Amino acid sequence: MSGYVDLHCHYLPGVDDGVRTLEDARSLLEGLAALGFSEVVATPHIRTAMFENRGPRLEERFRSLVSSLEPAQLPRLSLAAEHFCDDVFFDLFRRGETLAYRGGRAILVEFHYDAWPRRIEEQFFTLQVKGLRPLLAHPERYRGLFHDTAALDPLLDAGVMTLLDTMSLVGKYGRHAQRAAERMLDEGVYDAACSDAHRPEDLELLGRGLERLVALVGGEEATALLSERARGIVEGTYEP
């Protein structure tokens, strides 16, 4: 299969815990193309005290990367960011300094793995009033969702979208995350799926994850998660 859109990938060199060099960025993107991805979105971390990235710097680094590659041989490249939900994030949002997907209507967010944020649905409501819908990265990896999806229900009811890390299905993040991902797939929680690849070495495991996704939900639903809905999210046309 082909025509996939990867909504979450760390191929921008030297800005976070993703690839470090131009050569690794090219290798990762070539591998994603071979697995069927026709567009790959760079989503570097913006997280206080860990990855102090800001939009202008990331945009400059992204332009430099694109000019150093041969785009005709690679998937379409675009830029967003993986925003950690803290006070800094909401301040950046108020100042118009977050990095949404290219359609301008969805933004990738993540939580602390061990601490579910209180009253987060109220803060997300503010984003949605401004026309920006949150896309929650890898919910299967949050401890509060390992055994039950109930804590996520208020966010789903509020229109928050969810993004499966496909490598969770083959144990990259441990047994708890794998079982949670399988449960959430069965419950129909996910709006889309992604690679969340950080380095070329992830490609082998990602390939197995894609195969596992098809085995669990079938080819039609896998295509919807990786292609149709993912493209709608990045273009700003998808409605849950």
C-alpha atoms as a PDB file:
ATOM      1  CA  MET A   1       0.000   0.000   0.000  1.00  0.00           C
ATOM      2  CA  SER A   2       1.061   3.606  -0.540  1.00  0.00           C
ATOM      3  CA  GLY A   3      -0.211   7.155  -0.135  1.00  0.00           C
ATOM      4  CA  TYR A   4       0.256   7.204   3.632  1.00  0.00           C
ATOM      5  CA  VAL A   5       0.636  10.494   5.503  1.00  0.00           C
ATOM      6  CA  ASP A   6       2.932  10.403   8.536  1.00  0.00           C
ATOM      7  CA  LEU A   7       1.622  12.986  10.992  1.00  0.00           C
ATOM      8  CA  HIS A   8       4.382  12.513  13.572  1.00  0.00           C
ATOM      9  CA  CYS A   9       8.083  12.048  12.801  1.00  0.00           C
ATOM     10  CA  HIS A  10      11.374  13.391  14.169  1.00  0.00           C
ATOM     11  CA  TYR A  11      13.481  13.758  11.035  1.00  0.00           C
ATOM     12  CA  LEU A  12      14.600  17.384  11.535  1.00  0.00           C
ATOM     13  CA  PRO A  13      18.286  16.987  12.471  1.00  0.00           C
ATOM     14  CA  GLY A  14      19.771  18.186  15.734  1.00  0.00           C
ATOM     15  CA  VAL A  15      16.750  19.834  17.362  1.00  0.00           C
ATOM     16  CA  ASP A  16      15.473  17.157  19.780  1.00  0.00           C
ATOM     17  CA  ASP A  17      15.827  13.415  20.436  1.00  0.00           C
ATOM     18  CA  GLY A  18      15.325  12.582  16.766  1.00  0.00           C
ATOM     19  CA  VAL A  19      17.925  12.251  14.008  1.00  0.00           C
ATOM     20  CA  ARG A  20      21.248  14.019  14.469  1.00  0.00           C
ATOM     21  CA  THR A  21      22.586  14.323  10.922  1.00  0.00           C
ATOM     22  CA  LEU A  22      21.445  15.165   7.415  1.00  0.00           C
ATOM     23  CA  GLU A  23      22.465  11.679   6.290  1.00  0.00           C
ATOM     24  CA  ASP A  24      20.222  10.047   8.897  1.00  0.00           C
ATOM     25  CA  ALA A  25      17.352  12.358   7.951  1.00  0.00           C
ATOM     26  CA  ARG A  26      17.672  11.333   4.317  1.00  0.00           C
ATOM     27  CA  SER A  27      17.927   7.646   5.224  1.00  0.00           C
ATOM     28  CA  LEU A  28      14.840   7.820   7.428  1.00  0.00           C
ATOM     29  CA  LEU A  29      12.792   9.649   4.798  1.00  0.00           C
ATOM     30  CA  GLU A  30      13.853   7.247   2.053  1.00  0.00           C
ATOM     31  CA  GLY A  31      12.846   4.331   4.272  1.00  0.00           C
ATOM     32  CA  LEU A  32       9.453   5.879   5.013  1.00  0.00           C
ATOM     33  CA  ALA A  33       8.881   6.360   1.290  1.00  0.00           C
ATOM     34  CA  ALA A  34       9.687   2.683   0.728  1.00  0.00           C
ATOM     35  CA  LEU A  35       7.069   1.772   3.359  1.00  0.00           C
ATOM     36  CA  GLY A  36       4.397   3.733   1.491  1.00  0.00           C
ATOM     37  CA  PHE A  37       4.476   7.239   2.975  1.00  0.00           C
ATOM     38  CA  SER A  38       3.894  10.014   0.441  1.00  0.00           C
ATOM     39  CA  GLU A  39       4.001  12.864   2.989  1.00  0.00           C
ATOM     40  CA  VAL A  40       5.951  13.057   6.237  1.00  0.00           C
ATOM     41  CA  VAL A  41       5.450  15.856   8.748  1.00  0.00           C
ATOM     42  CA  ALA A  42       8.391  16.896  10.921  1.00  0.00           C
ATOM     43  CA  THR A  43       7.118  17.241  14.492  1.00  0.00           C
ATOM     44  CA  PRO A  44      10.049  18.281  16.706  1.00  0.00           C
ATOM     45  CA  HIS A  45       9.400  18.566  20.429  1.00  0.00           C
ATOM     46  CA  ILE A  46       8.573  21.891  22.041  1.00  0.00           C
ATOM     47  CA  ARG A  47       8.964  21.121  25.734  1.00  0.00           C
ATOM     48  CA  THR A  48      10.129  23.377  28.555  1.00  0.00           C
ATOM     49  CA  ALA A  49      13.521  22.531  30.102  1.00  0.00           C
ATOM     50  CA  MET A  50      14.078  19.713  27.624  1.00  0.00           C
ATOM     51  CA  PHE A  51      13.684  20.997  24.072  1.00  0.00           C
ATOM     52  CA  GLU A  52      13.445  24.786  24.118  1.00  0.00           C
ATOM     53  CA  ASN A  53      12.451  25.015  20.468  1.00  0.00           C
ATOM     54  CA  ARG A  54      10.431  27.876  19.011  1.00  0.00           C
ATOM     55  CA  GLY A  55       8.666  28.286  15.700  1.00  0.00           C
ATOM     56  CA  PRO A  56      11.047  30.668  13.875  1.00  0.00           C
ATOM     57  CA  ARG A  57      14.126  28.558  14.633  1.00  0.00           C
ATOM     58  CA  LEU A  58      12.380  25.339  13.618  1.00  0.00           C
ATOM     59  CA  GLU A  59      11.120  26.912  10.402  1.00  0.00           C
ATOM     60  CA  GLU A  60      14.654  28.057   9.576  1.00  0.00           C
ATOM     61  CA  ARG A  61      16.071  24.592  10.270  1.00  0.00           C
ATOM     62  CA  PHE A  62      13.312  23.010   8.183  1.00  0.00           C
ATOM     63  CA  ARG A  63      14.038  25.276   5.197  1.00  0.00           C
ATOM     64  CA  SER A  64      17.728  24.441   5.500  1.00  0.00           C
ATOM     65  CA  LEU A  65      16.979  20.721   5.515  1.00  0.00           C
ATOM     66  CA  VAL A  66      14.708  20.880   2.478  1.00  0.00           C
ATOM     67  CA  SER A  67      17.295  22.873   0.519  1.00  0.00           C
ATOM     68  CA  SER A  68      19.913  20.223   1.338  1.00  0.00           C
ATOM     69  CA  LEU A  69      17.818  17.286   0.125  1.00  0.00           C
ATOM     70  CA  GLU A  70      16.487  16.217  -3.268  1.00  0.00           C
ATOM     71  CA  PRO A  71      12.716  16.454  -2.670  1.00  0.00           C
ATOM     72  CA  ALA A  72      11.801  14.722  -5.924  1.00  0.00           C
ATOM     73  CA  GLN A  73      13.192  11.477  -4.504  1.00  0.00           C
ATOM     74  CA  LEU A  74      11.449  11.824  -1.130  1.00  0.00           C
ATOM     75  CA  PRO A  75       7.931  12.108   0.296  1.00  0.00           C
ATOM     76  CA  ARG A  76       6.350  15.543   0.510  1.00  0.00           C
ATOM     77  CA  LEU A  77       7.840  17.297   3.546  1.00  0.00           C
ATOM     78  CA  SER A  78       6.035  19.663   5.892  1.00  0.00           C
ATOM     79  CA  LEU A  79       6.534  21.066   9.384  1.00  0.00           C
ATOM     80  CA  ALA A  80       4.501  21.106  12.591  1.00  0.00           C
ATOM     81  CA  ALA A  81       5.577  20.403  16.196  1.00  0.00           C
ATOM     82  CA  GLU A  82       4.859  18.105  19.127  1.00  0.00           C
ATOM     83  CA  HIS A  83       3.781  20.486  21.899  1.00  0.00           C
ATOM     84  CA  PHE A  84       4.022  19.420  25.543  1.00  0.00           C
ATOM     85  CA  CYS A  85       0.911  20.609  27.374  1.00  0.00           C
ATOM     86  CA  ASP A  86       2.099  22.989  30.068  1.00  0.00           C
ATOM     87  CA  ASP A  87       1.675  26.687  30.829  1.00  0.00           C
ATOM     88  CA  VAL A  88       4.352  27.583  28.293  1.00  0.00           C
ATOM     89  CA  PHE A  89       2.408  25.849  25.528  1.00  0.00           C
ATOM     90  CA  PHE A  90      -0.788  27.734  26.251  1.00  0.00           C
ATOM     91  CA  ASP A  91       1.173  30.988  26.462  1.00  0.00           C
ATOM     92  CA  LEU A  92       2.731  30.270  23.055  1.00  0.00           C
ATOM     93  CA  PHE A  93      -0.735  29.549  21.715  1.00  0.00           C
ATOM     94  CA  ARG A  94      -2.092  32.862  23.004  1.00  0.00           C
ATOM     95  CA  ARG A  95       0.807  34.648  21.302  1.00  0.00           C
ATOM     96  CA  GLY A  96       0.282  32.781  18.025  1.00  0.00           C
ATOM     97  CA  GLU A  97       3.651  31.005  18.252  1.00  0.00           C
ATOM     98  CA  THR A  98       2.630  27.341  18.059  1.00  0.00           C
ATOM     99  CA  LEU A  99       3.198  25.211  14.948  1.00  0.00           C
ATOM    100  CA  ALA A 100       0.002  23.672  13.600  1.00  0.00           C
ATOM    101  CA  TYR A 101      -0.278  21.287  10.648  1.00  0.00           C
ATOM    102  CA  ARG A 102      -0.167  22.930   7.242  1.00  0.00           C
ATOM    103  CA  GLY A 103      -3.969  23.098   6.951  1.00  0.00           C
ATOM    104  CA  GLY A 104      -3.975  25.325  10.022  1.00  0.00           C
ATOM    105  CA  ARG A 105      -6.769  23.508  11.857  1.00  0.00           C
ATOM    106  CA  ALA A 106      -5.017  20.797  13.899  1.00  0.00           C
ATOM    107  CA  ILE A 107      -2.141  20.822  16.378  1.00  0.00           C
ATOM    108  CA  LEU A 108      -0.150  17.915  17.842  1.00  0.00           C
ATOM    109  CA  VAL A 109       0.030  17.760  21.643  1.00  0.00           C
ATOM    110  CA  GLU A 110       1.416  15.362  24.253  1.00  0.00           C
ATOM    111  CA  PHE A 111       1.099  14.857  28.017  1.00  0.00           C
ATOM    112  CA  HIS A 112       3.431  13.707  30.768  1.00  0.00           C
ATOM    113  CA  TYR A 113       3.407   9.908  30.723  1.00  0.00           C
ATOM    114  CA  ASP A 114       2.727   9.527  34.449  1.00  0.00           C
ATOM    115  CA  ALA A 115       0.565  12.562  35.312  1.00  0.00           C
ATOM    116  CA  TRP A 116      -2.780  13.118  33.622  1.00  0.00           C
ATOM    117  CA  PRO A 117      -3.388  16.902  33.366  1.00  0.00           C
ATOM    118  CA  ARG A 118      -6.306  18.219  35.396  1.00  0.00           C
ATOM    119  CA  ARG A 119      -9.171  20.008  33.645  1.00  0.00           C
ATOM    120  CA  ILE A 120      -7.277  19.838  30.367  1.00  0.00           C
ATOM    121  CA  GLU A 121     -10.533  19.632  28.387  1.00  0.00           C
ATOM    122  CA  GLU A 122     -11.344  23.189  29.484  1.00  0.00           C
ATOM    123  CA  GLN A 123      -8.023  24.471  28.161  1.00  0.00           C
ATOM    124  CA  PHE A 124      -8.469  22.551  24.930  1.00  0.00           C
ATOM    125  CA  PHE A 125     -11.880  24.154  24.538  1.00  0.00           C
ATOM    126  CA  THR A 126     -10.085  27.494  24.253  1.00  0.00           C
ATOM    127  CA  LEU A 127      -8.021  26.146  21.363  1.00  0.00           C
ATOM    128  CA  GLN A 128     -11.097  24.884  19.574  1.00  0.00           C
ATOM    129  CA  VAL A 129     -12.904  28.187  19.964  1.00  0.00           C
ATOM    130  CA  LYS A 130      -9.989  29.644  17.987  1.00  0.00           C
ATOM    131  CA  GLY A 131     -10.425  26.999  15.291  1.00  0.00           C
ATOM    132  CA  LEU A 132      -7.564  24.707  16.319  1.00  0.00           C
ATOM    133  CA  ARG A 133      -8.344  21.074  17.149  1.00  0.00           C
ATOM    134  CA  PRO A 134      -5.854  19.166  19.363  1.00  0.00           C
ATOM    135  CA  LEU A 135      -4.436  15.857  18.140  1.00  0.00           C
ATOM    136  CA  LEU A 136      -3.218  13.813  21.120  1.00  0.00           C
ATOM    137  CA  ALA A 137      -0.032  11.863  20.424  1.00  0.00           C
ATOM    138  CA  HIS A 138       0.288   8.205  21.471  1.00  0.00           C
ATOM    139  CA  PRO A 139      -2.471   7.944  24.137  1.00  0.00           C
ATOM    140  CA  GLU A 140      -1.605   4.266  24.584  1.00  0.00           C
ATOM    141  CA  ARG A 141       1.661   5.314  26.242  1.00  0.00           C
ATOM    142  CA  TYR A 142       0.070   7.260  29.128  1.00  0.00           C
ATOM    143  CA  ARG A 143      -0.042   5.342  32.385  1.00  0.00           C
ATOM    144  CA  GLY A 144      -3.552   6.579  33.169  1.00  0.00           C
ATOM    145  CA  LEU A 145      -4.851   4.827  30.045  1.00  0.00           C
ATOM    146  CA  PHE A 146      -3.007   1.508  30.323  1.00  0.00           C
ATOM    147  CA  HIS A 147      -6.023  -0.431  31.610  1.00  0.00           C
ATOM    148  CA  ASP A 148      -9.024   1.776  30.862  1.00  0.00           C
ATOM    149  CA  THR A 149      -9.952   4.507  28.401  1.00  0.00           C
ATOM    150  CA  ALA A 150     -12.302   6.347  30.789  1.00  0.00           C
ATOM    151  CA  ALA A 151      -9.909   9.240  31.517  1.00  0.00           C
ATOM    152  CA  LEU A 152      -9.801   9.990  27.795  1.00  0.00           C
ATOM    153  CA  ASP A 153     -13.583  10.104  27.340  1.00  0.00           C
ATOM    154  CA  PRO A 154     -14.048  13.805  28.295  1.00  0.00           C
ATOM    155  CA  LEU A 155     -11.451  14.781  25.700  1.00  0.00           C
ATOM    156  CA  LEU A 156     -13.040  12.628  23.022  1.00  0.00           C
ATOM    157  CA  ASP A 157     -16.416  14.126  23.854  1.00  0.00           C
ATOM    158  CA  ALA A 158     -14.864  17.571  23.445  1.00  0.00           C
ATOM    159  CA  GLY A 159     -13.620  16.709  19.949  1.00  0.00           C
ATOM    160  CA  VAL A 160      -9.967  15.992  20.694  1.00  0.00           C
ATOM    161  CA  MET A 161      -8.445  13.644  18.106  1.00  0.00           C
ATOM    162  CA  THR A 162      -6.059  10.779  18.905  1.00  0.00           C
ATOM    163  CA  LEU A 163      -2.997   9.434  17.091  1.00  0.00           C
ATOM    164  CA  LEU A 164      -1.710   5.869  17.338  1.00  0.00           C
ATOM    165  CA  ASP A 165       2.038   5.288  17.415  1.00  0.00           C
ATOM    166  CA  THR A 166       2.140   2.257  15.138  1.00  0.00           C
ATOM    167  CA  MET A 167       5.284   0.850  16.752  1.00  0.00           C
ATOM    168  CA  SER A 168       3.341   0.495  20.002  1.00  0.00           C
ATOM    169  CA  LEU A 169       1.627  -2.501  18.389  1.00  0.00           C
ATOM    170  CA  VAL A 170       4.858  -4.490  18.303  1.00  0.00           C
ATOM    171  CA  GLY A 171       6.105  -3.701  21.781  1.00  0.00           C
ATOM    172  CA  LYS A 172       8.498  -0.786  21.276  1.00  0.00           C
ATOM    173  CA  TYR A 173       7.160   0.940  24.410  1.00  0.00           C
ATOM    174  CA  GLY A 174       6.455  -2.132  26.488  1.00  0.00           C
ATOM    175  CA  ARG A 175       3.648  -4.572  27.087  1.00  0.00           C
ATOM    176  CA  HIS A 176       1.276  -2.121  28.794  1.00  0.00           C
ATOM    177  CA  ALA A 177       1.387   0.319  25.866  1.00  0.00           C
ATOM    178  CA  GLN A 178       0.939  -2.520  23.374  1.00  0.00           C
ATOM    179  CA  ARG A 179      -2.138  -3.874  25.129  1.00  0.00           C
ATOM    180  CA  ALA A 180      -3.595  -0.388  25.516  1.00  0.00           C
ATOM    181  CA  ALA A 181      -3.094   0.281  21.799  1.00  0.00           C
ATOM    182  CA  GLU A 182      -4.808  -2.962  20.867  1.00  0.00           C
ATOM    183  CA  ARG A 183      -7.712  -2.168  23.212  1.00  0.00           C
ATOM    184  CA  MET A 184      -8.124   1.348  21.853  1.00  0.00           C
ATOM    185  CA  LEU A 185      -8.080   0.081  18.288  1.00  0.00           C
ATOM    186  CA  ASP A 186     -10.830  -2.368  19.201  1.00  0.00           C
ATOM    187  CA  GLU A 187     -12.795   0.477  20.818  1.00  0.00           C
ATOM    188  CA  GLY A 188     -12.429   2.672  17.740  1.00  0.00           C
ATOM    189  CA  VAL A 189     -10.656   5.423  19.676  1.00  0.00           C
ATOM    190  CA  TYR A 190      -8.035   6.408  17.094  1.00  0.00           C
ATOM    191  CA  ASP A 191      -8.509   8.995  14.381  1.00  0.00           C
ATOM    192  CA  ALA A 192      -5.195   8.281  12.644  1.00  0.00           C
ATOM    193  CA  ALA A 193      -1.896   6.409  12.946  1.00  0.00           C
ATOM    194  CA  CYS A 194       1.712   7.526  12.525  1.00  0.00           C
ATOM    195  CA  SER A 195       5.324   6.377  12.741  1.00  0.00           C
ATOM    196  CA  ASP A 196       6.758   8.616  15.500  1.00  0.00           C
ATOM    197  CA  ALA A 197      10.069   7.502  14.013  1.00  0.00           C
ATOM    198  CA  HIS A 198      13.179   9.055  15.534  1.00  0.00           C
ATOM    199  CA  ARG A 199      15.970   7.365  13.574  1.00  0.00           C
ATOM    200  CA  PRO A 200      16.568   5.052  10.591  1.00  0.00           C
ATOM    201  CA  GLU A 201      16.860   2.090  12.961  1.00  0.00           C
ATOM    202  CA  ASP A 202      13.129   2.443  13.695  1.00  0.00           C
ATOM    203  CA  LEU A 203      12.165   1.475  10.149  1.00  0.00           C
ATOM    204  CA  GLU A 204      12.311  -2.296  10.648  1.00  0.00           C
ATOM    205  CA  LEU A 205      10.066  -2.132  13.697  1.00  0.00           C
ATOM    206  CA  LEU A 206       7.748   0.318  11.952  1.00  0.00           C
ATOM    207  CA  GLY A 207       7.331  -2.097   9.049  1.00  0.00           C
ATOM    208  CA  ARG A 208       6.291  -4.790  11.485  1.00  0.00           C
ATOM    209  CA  GLY A 209       3.926  -2.347  13.179  1.00  0.00           C
ATOM    210  CA  LEU A 210       2.219  -1.549   9.889  1.00  0.00           C
ATOM    211  CA  GLU A 211       1.746  -5.254   9.206  1.00  0.00           C
ATOM    212  CA  ARG A 212       0.337  -5.742  12.703  1.00  0.00           C
ATOM    213  CA  LEU A 213      -2.082  -2.842  12.217  1.00  0.00           C
ATOM    214  CA  VAL A 214      -3.476  -4.444   9.070  1.00  0.00           C
ATOM    215  CA  ALA A 215      -3.774  -7.798  10.844  1.00  0.00           C
ATOM    216  CA  LEU A 216      -5.752  -6.212  13.698  1.00  0.00           C
ATOM    217  CA  VAL A 217      -8.159  -3.921  11.830  1.00  0.00           C
ATOM    218  CA  GLY A 218      -7.999  -4.989   8.178  1.00  0.00           C
ATOM    219  CA  GLY A 219      -6.645  -3.211   5.134  1.00  0.00           C
ATOM    220  CA  GLU A 220      -9.524  -0.789   4.683  1.00  0.00           C
ATOM    221  CA  GLU A 221      -9.410   0.589   8.232  1.00  0.00           C
ATOM    222  CA  ALA A 222      -5.603   0.681   8.222  1.00  0.00           C
ATOM    223  CA  THR A 223      -5.706   2.767   5.041  1.00  0.00           C
ATOM    224  CA  ALA A 224      -8.229   5.104   6.637  1.00  0.00           C
ATOM    225  CA  LEU A 225      -5.974   5.607   9.679  1.00  0.00           C
ATOM    226  CA  LEU A 226      -2.758   6.085   7.704  1.00  0.00           C
ATOM    227  CA  SER A 227      -4.041   7.772   4.574  1.00  0.00           C
ATOM    228  CA  GLU A 228      -7.563   9.204   4.329  1.00  0.00           C
ATOM    229  CA  ARG A 229      -8.013  10.541   7.854  1.00  0.00           C
ATOM    230  CA  ALA A 230      -4.345  11.422   8.275  1.00  0.00           C
ATOM    231  CA  ARG A 231      -4.455  13.479   5.076  1.00  0.00           C
ATOM    232  CA  GLY A 232      -7.664  15.152   6.237  1.00  0.00           C
ATOM    233  CA  ILE A 233      -5.994  16.126   9.528  1.00  0.00           C
ATOM    234  CA  VAL A 234      -2.896  17.606   7.910  1.00  0.00           C
ATOM    235  CA  GLU A 235      -4.990  19.489   5.329  1.00  0.00           C
ATOM    236  CA  GLY A 236      -7.571  20.651   7.870  1.00  0.00           C
ATOM    237  CA  THR A 237     -10.565  18.944   6.266  1.00  0.00           C
ATOM    238  CA  TYR A 238     -11.120  16.018   8.662  1.00  0.00           C
ATOM    239  CA  GLU A 239     -13.984  16.092  11.162  1.00  0.00           C
ATOM    240  CA  PRO A 240     -14.200  13.286  13.769  1.00  0.00           C
END
